[in-house]
Structure formats: structure tokens, C-alpha cells
Amino acid sequence: MAEVSTFGRAICQLGQRPQWALKPTKNLYQWIKYVNVEAAFIWKLCRFGISGALATLFYGTIAYILTLLTAFNFMSIHVVACVVSIPLSYLLQKIFTFRSALSHQQTFPRFMITAVVAFALSTGLAHWVTKILEYPDCAGFLSVMIIVPIISFILMQFWVFIDYKSE
């Protein structure tokens, strides 16, 4: 029987589902252990989404307050709100999502690089979709909302919060 790959295994270990996982009644203990690995990964994705939503809500609140209290243009407000929301986003991802025991000296510089990459990617992607491909603005928003979190999660999972010594 051919092996069946799963999204959780592909992302977590870039591997294939073992033969015993295809027949859960054969070895119930191993199957339960395997399902728990996938459940842990799905829960991590949920925590990533919750952290992102909280950071986005914080960003929106800062942007709204700056819009009311200042005469800054949109891009200035956007940049200031992004910079102000980075510490909250970092702490949520480090403590809540990835539960990293690594020091801030190790993870924060990597997180900042990831934040800059995400900012550049979102800006470039939105420009490409709306200005070059000439799709409506909603297509630009949707492309950013789908692609940037995926890239960010992969970078954080496999680079920012990974402990190379323990592997």
C-alpha cells in the first residue's frame, strides 16, 4: 500500500505518514501518538492566528488613534503603527505561539528580519497585484492576507524560534 502524506507531516518533518498510521487498529498507541503530533501542530497554527489577530487589532487601534490625533499621511501612520506593534507581536509569537525557551538575543534579531521581510513582501505583493496585474484592491488585500502569514509562519517555525542545539 502506498504511503499517504499529510499537511502536518509535510510541514513539521517534511516526511511521509508511516505504514502503521494507515491502520490505526494495528497499533493504537502509535496511532494516538501520531495524531497528537498533528493536533499539536494544528493547535500551534491556531495560536499563530490568534497572536496575529491580536497584533493586528493592536496595530489597527494605534493607526486609528494616530489618524484622529495627528496630521500624518497614511503611509507614515502605517509605518509608525507597524513599528509600535512589533514588540507585542514578538512576545505573543515567542511566548504564546512557539513557546520558545531561546533567549531574546537569539530570537529577536531573527524576528525583526522576518518582520522586515513580511513588510516588504506585503507592500510589494499588494503593489504587484493591484498596480501591475491591475486586479481590484480586494485581490491585493486577499493575496497579502494569505501569502504573508504562510511565509511568516514558515520562517518563524524553521528559523526564528528553532533551537538547533536540541535537534
Foldseek 3Di string as FASTA:
>chain_A
DDWAADPLCCLPPVDTDDPCCVPCVVPVVVVVVVVVSSVLVVVLVVLLVVLVVVLVVQLVVQLVVCVVPHPDDNVVSNVVSLVVSLVSSVCSCCCPRLNAPDDCVQQVVLSVVLSVVLVVCLVVQQCCVCPVVVDDSVVSVVVSVPPSSVSSVSSCVPPRRDDPVVD
